PDB file of N, CA and C in Angstrom:
ATOM      1  N   MET A   1     117.591 112.514  79.499  1.00  0.00           N
ATOM      2  CA  MET A   1     117.240 113.911  79.423  1.00  0.00           C
ATOM      3  C   MET A   1     118.487 114.703  79.049  1.00  0.00           C
ATOM      4  N   LYS A   2     118.320 115.543  78.087  1.00  0.00           N
ATOM      5  CA  LYS A   2     119.434 116.327  77.576  1.00  0.00           C
ATOM      6  C   LYS A   2     120.038 117.194  78.692  1.00  0.00           C
ATOM      7  N   GLY A   3     121.361 117.157  78.768  1.00  0.00           N
ATOM      8  CA  GLY A   3     122.056 117.977  79.742  1.00  0.00           C
ATOM      9  C   GLY A   3     122.211 117.346  81.117  1.00  0.00           C
ATOM     10  N   LYS A   4     121.629 116.178  81.349  1.00  0.00           N
ATOM     11  CA  LYS A   4     121.744 115.506  82.642  1.00  0.00           C
ATOM     12  C   LYS A   4     122.916 114.531  82.599  1.00  0.00           C
ATOM     13  N   ASN A   5     123.704 114.527  83.638  1.00  0.00           N
ATOM     14  CA  ASN A   5     124.830 113.613  83.734  1.00  0.00           C
ATOM     15  C   ASN A   5     124.541 112.639  84.871  1.00  0.00           C
ATOM     16  N   TYR A   6     124.424 111.365  84.542  1.00  0.00           N
ATOM     17  CA  TYR A   6     124.032 110.352  85.517  1.00  0.00           C
ATOM     18  C   TYR A   6     125.207 109.512  86.028  1.00  0.00           C
ATOM     19  N   LYS A   7     126.426 109.823  85.641  1.00  0.00           N
ATOM     20  CA  LYS A   7     127.538 108.930  85.949  1.00  0.00           C
ATOM     21  C   LYS A   7     127.786 108.738  87.448  1.00  0.00           C
ATOM     22  N   ASN A   8     127.327 109.638  88.285  1.00  0.00           N
ATOM     23  CA  ASN A   8     127.509 109.479  89.729  1.00  0.00           C
ATOM     24  C   ASN A   8     126.283 108.900  90.426  1.00  0.00           C
ATOM     25  N   GLN A   9     125.277 108.516  89.667  1.00  0.00           N
ATOM     26  CA  GLN A   9     124.068 107.926  90.232  1.00  0.00           C
ATOM     27  C   GLN A   9     124.290 106.436  90.524  1.00  0.00           C
ATOM     28  N   SER A  10     123.663 105.939  91.577  1.00  0.00           N
ATOM     29  CA  SER A  10     123.850 104.530  91.960  1.00  0.00           C
ATOM     30  C   SER A  10     123.376 103.573  90.866  1.00  0.00           C
ATOM     31  N   TRP A  11     122.280 103.895  90.158  1.00  0.00           N
ATOM     32  CA  TRP A  11     121.801 103.009  89.104  1.00  0.00           C
ATOM     33  C   TRP A  11     122.815 102.896  87.971  1.00  0.00           C
ATOM     34  N   PHE A  12     123.556 103.970  87.699  1.00  0.00           N
ATOM     35  CA  PHE A  12     124.558 103.922  86.635  1.00  0.00           C
ATOM     36  C   PHE A  12     125.670 102.941  87.001  1.00  0.00           C
ATOM     37  N   HIS A  13     126.108 102.977  88.245  1.00  0.00           N
ATOM     38  CA  HIS A  13     127.137 102.034  88.697  1.00  0.00           C
ATOM     39  C   HIS A  13     126.619 100.605  88.658  1.00  0.00           C
ATOM     40  N   GLU A  14     125.362 100.425  89.024  1.00  0.00           N
ATOM     41  CA  GLU A  14     124.736  99.088  89.000  1.00  0.00           C
ATOM     42  C   GLU A  14     124.691  98.527  87.578  1.00  0.00           C
ATOM     43  N   VAL A  15     124.249  99.330  86.622  1.00  0.00           N
ATOM     44  CA  VAL A  15     124.170  98.835  85.241  1.00  0.00           C
ATOM     45  C   VAL A  15     125.566  98.617  84.668  1.00  0.00           C
ATOM     46  N   TYR A  16     126.530  99.417  85.081  1.00  0.00           N
ATOM     47  CA  TYR A  16     127.904  99.223  84.613  1.00  0.00           C
ATOM     48  C   TYR A  16     128.434  97.864  85.068  1.00  0.00           C
ATOM     49  N   LEU A  17     128.150  97.491  86.316  1.00  0.00           N
ATOM     50  CA  LEU A  17     128.650  96.229  86.863  1.00  0.00           C
ATOM     51  C   LEU A  17     127.860  95.015  86.401  1.00  0.00           C
ATOM     52  N   ARG A  18     126.525  95.133  86.348  1.00  0.00           N
ATOM     53  CA  ARG A  18     125.670  93.979  86.080  1.00  0.00           C
ATOM     54  C   ARG A  18     125.118  93.914  84.658  1.00  0.00           C
ATOM     55  N   GLY A  19     125.132  95.034  83.955  1.00  0.00           N
ATOM     56  CA  GLY A  19     124.641  95.050  82.585  1.00  0.00           C
ATOM     57  C   GLY A  19     123.180  95.413  82.441  1.00  0.00           C
ATOM     58  N   ILE A  20     122.437  95.390  83.553  1.00  0.00           N
ATOM     59  CA  ILE A  20     121.014  95.726  83.527  1.00  0.00           C
ATOM     60  C   ILE A  20     120.594  96.254  84.892  1.00  0.00           C
ATOM     61  N   TYR A  21     119.621  97.142  84.884  1.00  0.00           N
ATOM     62  CA  TYR A  21     119.095  97.686  86.137  1.00  0.00           C
ATOM     63  C   TYR A  21     117.612  98.000  85.945  1.00  0.00           C
ATOM     64  N   VAL A  22     116.795  97.594  86.909  1.00  0.00           N
ATOM     65  CA  VAL A  22     115.371  97.930  86.932  1.00  0.00           C
ATOM     66  C   VAL A  22     115.106  98.605  88.272  1.00  0.00           C
ATOM     67  N   SER A  23     114.596  99.824  88.214  1.00  0.00           N
ATOM     68  CA  SER A  23     114.386 100.590  89.444  1.00  0.00           C
ATOM     69  C   SER A  23     113.045 100.270  90.083  1.00  0.00           C
ATOM     70  N   ASP A  24     112.862 100.762  91.284  1.00  0.00           N
ATOM     71  CA  ASP A  24     111.545 100.833  91.896  1.00  0.00           C
ATOM     72  C   ASP A  24     110.854 102.077  91.338  1.00  0.00           C
ATOM     73  N   VAL A  25     109.589 102.235  91.630  1.00  0.00           N
ATOM     74  CA  VAL A  25     108.868 103.427  91.199  1.00  0.00           C
ATOM     75  C   VAL A  25     109.353 104.623  92.017  1.00  0.00           C
ATOM     76  N   PHE A  26     109.583 105.744  91.345  1.00  0.00           N
ATOM     77  CA  PHE A  26     110.024 106.955  92.026  1.00  0.00           C
ATOM     78  C   PHE A  26     109.539 108.191  91.274  1.00  0.00           C
ATOM     79  N   MET A  27     109.623 109.328  91.944  1.00  0.00           N
ATOM     80  CA  MET A  27     109.304 110.610  91.330  1.00  0.00           C
ATOM     81  C   MET A  27     110.625 111.197  90.829  1.00  0.00           C
ATOM     82  N   GLY A  28     110.713 111.495  89.556  1.00  0.00           N
ATOM     83  CA  GLY A  28     111.962 111.982  88.983  1.00  0.00           C
ATOM     84  C   GLY A  28     111.934 113.474  88.718  1.00  0.00           C
ATOM     85  N   TYR A  29     112.791 113.902  87.806  1.00  0.00           N
ATOM     86  CA  TYR A  29     112.913 115.320  87.461  1.00  0.00           C
ATOM     87  C   TYR A  29     111.605 115.918  86.966  1.00  0.00           C
ATOM     88  N   ARG A  30     110.799 115.111  86.305  1.00  0.00           N
ATOM     89  CA  ARG A  30     109.539 115.621  85.750  1.00  0.00           C
ATOM     90  C   ARG A  30     108.377 115.539  86.738  1.00  0.00           C
ATOM     91  N   ASN A  31     108.629 115.001  87.925  1.00  0.00           N
ATOM     92  CA  ASN A  31     107.652 114.945  89.009  1.00  0.00           C
ATOM     93  C   ASN A  31     106.410 114.102  88.679  1.00  0.00           C
ATOM     94  N   PHE A  32     106.624 112.920  88.095  1.00  0.00           N
ATOM     95  CA  PHE A  32     105.547 111.956  87.913  1.00  0.00           C
ATOM     96  C   PHE A  32     106.086 110.570  88.258  1.00  0.00           C
ATOM     97  N   PRO A  33     105.208 109.656  88.739  1.00  0.00           N
ATOM     98  CA  PRO A  33     105.683 108.327  89.138  1.00  0.00           C
ATOM     99  C   PRO A  33     106.090 107.504  87.924  1.00  0.00           C
ATOM    100  N   HIS A  34     107.284 106.965  87.980  1.00  0.00           N
ATOM    101  CA  HIS A  34     107.785 106.143  86.894  1.00  0.00           C
ATOM    102  C   HIS A  34     108.882 105.224  87.414  1.00  0.00           C
ATOM    103  N   PHE A  35     109.293 104.297  86.569  1.00  0.00           N
ATOM    104  CA  PHE A  35     110.465 103.488  86.857  1.00  0.00           C
ATOM    105  C   PHE A  35     111.303 103.420  85.593  1.00  0.00           C
ATOM    106  N   VAL A  36     112.538 102.967  85.742  1.00  0.00           N
ATOM    107  CA  VAL A  36     113.423 102.895  84.588  1.00  0.00           C
ATOM    108  C   VAL A  36     113.961 101.484  84.419  1.00  0.00           C
ATOM    109  N   ILE A  37     114.165 101.135  83.179  1.00  0.00           N
ATOM    110  CA  ILE A  37     114.871  99.915  82.802  1.00  0.00           C
ATOM    111  C   ILE A  37     116.101 100.393  82.040  1.00  0.00           C
ATOM    112  N   THR A  38     117.252  99.959  82.500  1.00  0.00           N
ATOM    113  CA  THR A  38     118.509 100.426  81.927  1.00  0.00           C
ATOM    114  C   THR A  38     119.374  99.229  81.558  1.00  0.00           C
ATOM    115  N   ILE A  39     119.960  99.281  80.369  1.00  0.00           N
ATOM    116  CA  ILE A  39     120.877  98.219  79.943  1.00  0.00           C
ATOM    117  C   ILE A  39     122.186  98.826  79.463  1.00  0.00           C
ATOM    118  N   LYS A  40     123.243  98.053  79.609  1.00  0.00           N
ATOM    119  CA  LYS A  40     124.559  98.444  79.106  1.00  0.00           C
ATOM    120  C   LYS A  40     124.860  97.567  77.901  1.00  0.00           C
ATOM    121  N   TYR A  41     125.272  98.196  76.824  1.00  0.00           N
ATOM    122  CA  TYR A  41     125.638  97.472  75.613  1.00  0.00           C
ATOM    123  C   TYR A  41     127.130  97.631  75.383  1.00  0.00           C
ATOM    124  N   ASP A  42     127.860  96.513  75.408  1.00  0.00           N
ATOM    125  CA  ASP A  42     129.303  96.533  75.171  1.00  0.00           C
ATOM    126  C   ASP A  42     129.578  96.464  73.683  1.00  0.00           C
ATOM    127  N   LYS A  43     130.343  97.423  73.186  1.00  0.00           N
ATOM    128  CA  LYS A  43     130.714  97.452  71.774  1.00  0.00           C
ATOM    129  C   LYS A  43     132.000  96.665  71.562  1.00  0.00           C
ATOM    130  N   GLU A  44     132.291  96.338  70.316  1.00  0.00           N
ATOM    131  CA  GLU A  44     133.465  95.519  70.007  1.00  0.00           C
ATOM    132  C   GLU A  44     134.781  96.216  70.345  1.00  0.00           C
ATOM    133  N   ASP A  45     134.817  97.529  70.331  1.00  0.00           N
ATOM    134  CA  ASP A  45     136.058  98.263  70.580  1.00  0.00           C
ATOM    135  C   ASP A  45     136.303  98.522  72.069  1.00  0.00           C
ATOM    136  N   ARG A  46     135.677  97.748  72.936  1.00  0.00           N
ATOM    137  CA  ARG A  46     135.776  97.847  74.399  1.00  0.00           C
ATOM    138  C   ARG A  46     135.085  99.086  74.954  1.00  0.00           C
ATOM    139  N   ASP A  47     134.397  99.821  74.103  1.00  0.00           N
ATOM    140  CA  ASP A  47     133.588 100.946  74.542  1.00  0.00           C
ATOM    141  C   ASP A  47     132.192 100.409  74.855  1.00  0.00           C
ATOM    142  N   TYR A  48     131.326 101.225  75.378  1.00  0.00           N
ATOM    143  CA  TYR A  48     129.969 100.806  75.686  1.00  0.00           C
ATOM    144  C   TYR A  48     129.048 102.007  75.635  1.00  0.00           C
ATOM    145  N   PHE A  49     127.745 101.716  75.604  1.00  0.00           N
ATOM    146  CA  PHE A  49     126.764 102.776  75.809  1.00  0.00           C
ATOM    147  C   PHE A  49     125.668 102.241  76.698  1.00  0.00           C
ATOM    148  N   VAL A  50     124.940 103.159  77.329  1.00  0.00           N
ATOM    149  CA  VAL A  50     123.874 102.805  78.252  1.00  0.00           C
ATOM    150  C   VAL A  50     122.561 103.317  77.682  1.00  0.00           C
ATOM    151  N   LEU A  51     121.584 102.427  77.604  1.00  0.00           N
ATOM    152  CA  LEU A  51     120.247 102.782  77.142  1.00  0.00           C
ATOM    153  C   LEU A  51     119.319 102.765  78.351  1.00  0.00           C
ATOM    154  N   ARG A  52     118.622 103.881  78.556  1.00  0.00           N
ATOM    155  CA  ARG A  52     117.739 104.017  79.725  1.00  0.00           C
ATOM    156  C   ARG A  52     116.337 104.363  79.239  1.00  0.00           C
ATOM    157  N   ALA A  53     115.378 103.516  79.573  1.00  0.00           N
ATOM    158  CA  ALA A  53     113.977 103.745  79.198  1.00  0.00           C
ATOM    159  C   ALA A  53     113.177 104.095  80.440  1.00  0.00           C
ATOM    160  N   THR A  54     112.405 105.172  80.357  1.00  0.00           N
ATOM    161  CA  THR A  54     111.538 105.589  81.451  1.00  0.00           C
ATOM    162  C   THR A  54     110.131 105.089  81.179  1.00  0.00           C
ATOM    163  N   ILE A  55     109.551 104.404  82.148  1.00  0.00           N
ATOM    164  CA  ILE A  55     108.225 103.803  82.005  1.00  0.00           C
ATOM    165  C   ILE A  55     107.241 104.548  82.905  1.00  0.00           C
ATOM    166  N   ASP A  56     106.193 105.068  82.304  1.00  0.00           N
ATOM    167  CA  ASP A  56     105.157 105.829  83.021  1.00  0.00           C
ATOM    168  C   ASP A  56     104.233 104.852  83.748  1.00  0.00           C
ATOM    169  N   MET A  57     104.242 104.879  85.076  1.00  0.00           N
ATOM    170  CA  MET A  57     103.442 103.940  85.865  1.00  0.00           C
ATOM    171  C   MET A  57     101.947 104.180  85.727  1.00  0.00           C
ATOM    172  N   ASP A  58     101.524 105.415  85.566  1.00  0.00           N
ATOM    173  CA  ASP A  58     100.092 105.669  85.394  1.00  0.00           C
ATOM    174  C   ASP A  58      99.567 104.980  84.143  1.00  0.00           C
ATOM    175  N   LEU A  59     100.308 105.068  83.062  1.00  0.00           N
ATOM    176  CA  LEU A  59      99.901 104.415  81.821  1.00  0.00           C
ATOM    177  C   LEU A  59      99.883 102.899  81.975  1.00  0.00           C
ATOM    178  N   ILE A  60     100.913 102.353  82.587  1.00  0.00           N
ATOM    179  CA  ILE A  60     100.967 100.897  82.809  1.00  0.00           C
ATOM    180  C   ILE A  60      99.791 100.449  83.679  1.00  0.00           C
ATOM    181  N   ASN A  61      99.557 101.148  84.779  1.00  0.00           N
ATOM    182  CA  ASN A  61      98.457 100.766  85.660  1.00  0.00           C
ATOM    183  C   ASN A  61      97.110 100.820  84.948  1.00  0.00           C
ATOM    184  N   ARG A  62      96.875 101.847  84.137  1.00  0.00           N
ATOM    185  CA  ARG A  62      95.611 101.925  83.395  1.00  0.00           C
ATOM    186  C   ARG A  62      95.447 100.730  82.462  1.00  0.00           C
ATOM    187  N   GLN A  63      96.525 100.343  81.790  1.00  0.00           N
ATOM    188  CA  GLN A  63      96.456  99.208  80.875  1.00  0.00           C
ATOM    189  C   GLN A  63      96.201  97.899  81.622  1.00  0.00           C
ATOM    190  N   ILE A  64      96.897  97.710  82.720  1.00  0.00           N
ATOM    191  CA  ILE A  64      96.737  96.472  83.491  1.00  0.00           C
ATOM    192  C   ILE A  64      95.346  96.400  84.107  1.00  0.00           C
ATOM    193  N   TYR A  65      94.878  97.516  84.694  1.00  0.00           N
ATOM    194  CA  TYR A  65      93.544  97.519  85.286  1.00  0.00           C
ATOM    195  C   TYR A  65      92.477  97.204  84.247  1.00  0.00           C
ATOM    196  N   SER A  66      92.698  97.586  83.018  1.00  0.00           N
ATOM    197  CA  SER A  66      91.705  97.321  81.976  1.00  0.00           C
ATOM    198  C   SER A  66      91.702  95.853  81.560  1.00  0.00           C
ATOM    199  N   LEU A  67      92.724  95.095  81.909  1.00  0.00           N
ATOM    200  CA  LEU A  67      92.827  93.712  81.459  1.00  0.00           C
ATOM    201  C   LEU A  67      92.116  92.720  82.368  1.00  0.00           C
ATOM    202  N   ASP A  68      92.477  92.692  83.633  1.00  0.00           N
ATOM    203  CA  ASP A  68      91.946  91.639  84.495  1.00  0.00           C
ATOM    204  C   ASP A  68      91.874  92.119  85.939  1.00  0.00           C
ATOM    205  N   LYS A  69      90.706  92.516  86.361  1.00  0.00           N
ATOM    206  CA  LYS A  69      90.484  93.038  87.711  1.00  0.00           C
ATOM    207  C   LYS A  69      90.822  91.999  88.780  1.00  0.00           C
ATOM    208  N   GLU A  70      90.552  90.738  88.523  1.00  0.00           N
ATOM    209  CA  GLU A  70      90.811  89.686  89.506  1.00  0.00           C
ATOM    210  C   GLU A  70      92.305  89.569  89.832  1.00  0.00           C
ATOM    211  N   ILE A  71      93.153  89.640  88.828  1.00  0.00           N
ATOM    212  CA  ILE A  71      94.601  89.567  89.052  1.00  0.00           C
ATOM    213  C   ILE A  71      95.072  90.770  89.849  1.00  0.00           C
ATOM    214  N   ILE A  72      94.578  91.950  89.506  1.00  0.00           N
ATOM    215  CA  ILE A  72      94.969  93.164  90.219  1.00  0.00           C
ATOM    216  C   ILE A  72      94.562  93.079  91.684  1.00  0.00           C
ATOM    217  N   ASP A  73      93.369  92.584  91.945  1.00  0.00           N
ATOM    218  CA  ASP A  73      92.903  92.440  93.325  1.00  0.00           C
ATOM    219  C   ASP A  73      93.818  91.503  94.117  1.00  0.00           C
ATOM    220  N   LYS A  74      94.272  90.422  93.488  1.00  0.00           N
ATOM    221  CA  LYS A  74      95.168  89.482  94.159  1.00  0.00           C
ATOM    222  C   LYS A  74      96.511  90.123  94.493  1.00  0.00           C
ATOM    223  N   LEU A  75      96.922  91.105  93.709  1.00  0.00           N
ATOM    224  CA  LEU A  75      98.188  91.803  93.943  1.00  0.00           C
ATOM    225  C   LEU A  75      98.021  92.986  94.886  1.00  0.00           C
ATOM    226  N   GLY A  76      96.866  93.120  95.495  1.00  0.00           N
ATOM    227  CA  GLY A  76      96.635  94.204  96.436  1.00  0.00           C
ATOM    228  C   GLY A  76      96.348  95.536  95.776  1.00  0.00           C
ATOM    229  N   GLY A  77      95.984  95.513  94.511  1.00  0.00           N
ATOM    230  CA  GLY A  77      95.615  96.745  93.821  1.00  0.00           C
ATOM    231  C   GLY A  77      96.765  97.513  93.211  1.00  0.00           C
ATOM    232  N   ARG A  78      97.966  96.979  93.286  1.00  0.00           N
ATOM    233  CA  ARG A  78      99.118  97.694  92.724  1.00  0.00           C
ATOM    234  C   ARG A  78     100.019  96.732  91.955  1.00  0.00           C
ATOM    235  N   ILE A  79     100.656  97.263  90.953  1.00  0.00           N
ATOM    236  CA  ILE A  79     101.659  96.524  90.188  1.00  0.00           C
ATOM    237  C   ILE A  79     103.004  97.209  90.414  1.00  0.00           C
ATOM    238  N   TYR A  80     104.019  96.420  90.697  1.00  0.00           N
ATOM    239  CA  TYR A  80     105.340  96.974  90.952  1.00  0.00           C
ATOM    240  C   TYR A  80     106.326  96.454  89.912  1.00  0.00           C
ATOM    241  N   PRO A  81     107.236  97.295  89.444  1.00  0.00           N
ATOM    242  CA  PRO A  81     108.188  96.855  88.426  1.00  0.00           C
ATOM    243  C   PRO A  81     108.999  95.653  88.858  1.00  0.00           C
ATOM    244  N   LYS A  82     109.403  95.587  90.121  1.00  0.00           N
ATOM    245  CA  LYS A  82     110.196  94.446  90.579  1.00  0.00           C
ATOM    246  C   LYS A  82     109.369  93.157  90.501  1.00  0.00           C
ATOM    247  N   ALA A  83     108.063  93.236  90.718  1.00  0.00           N
ATOM    248  CA  ALA A  83     107.206  92.059  90.578  1.00  0.00           C
ATOM    249  C   ALA A  83     107.156  91.619  89.127  1.00  0.00           C
ATOM    250  N   LEU A  84     107.075  92.560  88.207  1.00  0.00           N
ATOM    251  CA  LEU A  84     107.102  92.210  86.789  1.00  0.00           C
ATOM    252  C   LEU A  84     108.434  91.578  86.420  1.00  0.00           C
ATOM    253  N   TRP A  85     109.513  92.041  87.041  1.00  0.00           N
ATOM    254  CA  TRP A  85     110.833  91.499  86.766  1.00  0.00           C
ATOM    255  C   TRP A  85     110.931  90.048  87.233  1.00  0.00           C
ATOM    256  N   VAL A  86     110.261  89.710  88.317  1.00  0.00           N
ATOM    257  CA  VAL A  86     110.244  88.320  88.776  1.00  0.00           C
ATOM    258  C   VAL A  86     109.508  87.450  87.768  1.00  0.00           C
ATOM    259  N   ILE A  87     108.436  87.978  87.188  1.00  0.00           N
ATOM    260  CA  ILE A  87     107.670  87.218  86.201  1.00  0.00           C
ATOM    261  C   ILE A  87     108.446  87.069  84.895  1.00  0.00           C
ATOM    262  N   PHE A  88     109.157  88.116  84.479  1.00  0.00           N
ATOM    263  CA  PHE A  88     109.902  88.107  83.236  1.00  0.00           C
ATOM    264  C   PHE A  88     111.372  88.411  83.502  1.00  0.00           C
ATOM    265  N   PRO A  89     112.122  87.476  84.120  1.00  0.00           N
ATOM    266  CA  PRO A  89     113.473  87.780  84.584  1.00  0.00           C
ATOM    267  C   PRO A  89     114.531  87.866  83.508  1.00  0.00           C
ATOM    268  N   ASN A  90     114.306  87.309  82.326  1.00  0.00           N
ATOM    269  CA  ASN A  90     115.359  87.281  81.318  1.00  0.00           C
ATOM    270  C   ASN A  90     114.844  87.855  80.005  1.00  0.00           C
ATOM    271  N   PRO A  91     115.054  89.153  79.767  1.00  0.00           N
ATOM    272  CA  PRO A  91     114.501  89.787  78.574  1.00  0.00           C
ATOM    273  C   PRO A  91     115.089  89.276  77.265  1.00  0.00           C
ATOM    274  N   SER A  92     116.200  88.542  77.307  1.00  0.00           N
ATOM    275  CA  SER A  92     116.823  88.079  76.073  1.00  0.00           C
ATOM    276  C   SER A  92     116.238  86.770  75.556  1.00  0.00           C
ATOM    277  N   THR A  93     115.332  86.146  76.324  1.00  0.00           N
ATOM    278  CA  THR A  93     114.769  84.874  75.847  1.00  0.00           C
ATOM    279  C   THR A  93     113.351  85.066  75.371  1.00  0.00           C
TER     280      THR A  93
END
């Protein structure tokens, strides 16, 4: 978001150290449930940049519910980003 400085946020420190961060679902500045996936990209000149994607949980839930009701029921009716991360732990493969 333009004008926001995240350098003192815990997720920023996490992505700086580990190279990737996936949050839990939370209510952010826009007041809707979402989670973020953040990656750090190291450039050749020892500089870096951070890419942060915000994922709308309502949209994800609607898509998942439309796919397979039986799977959703087994998960207790909710999908959590950390659960998806366990299923797909390595985005580079």
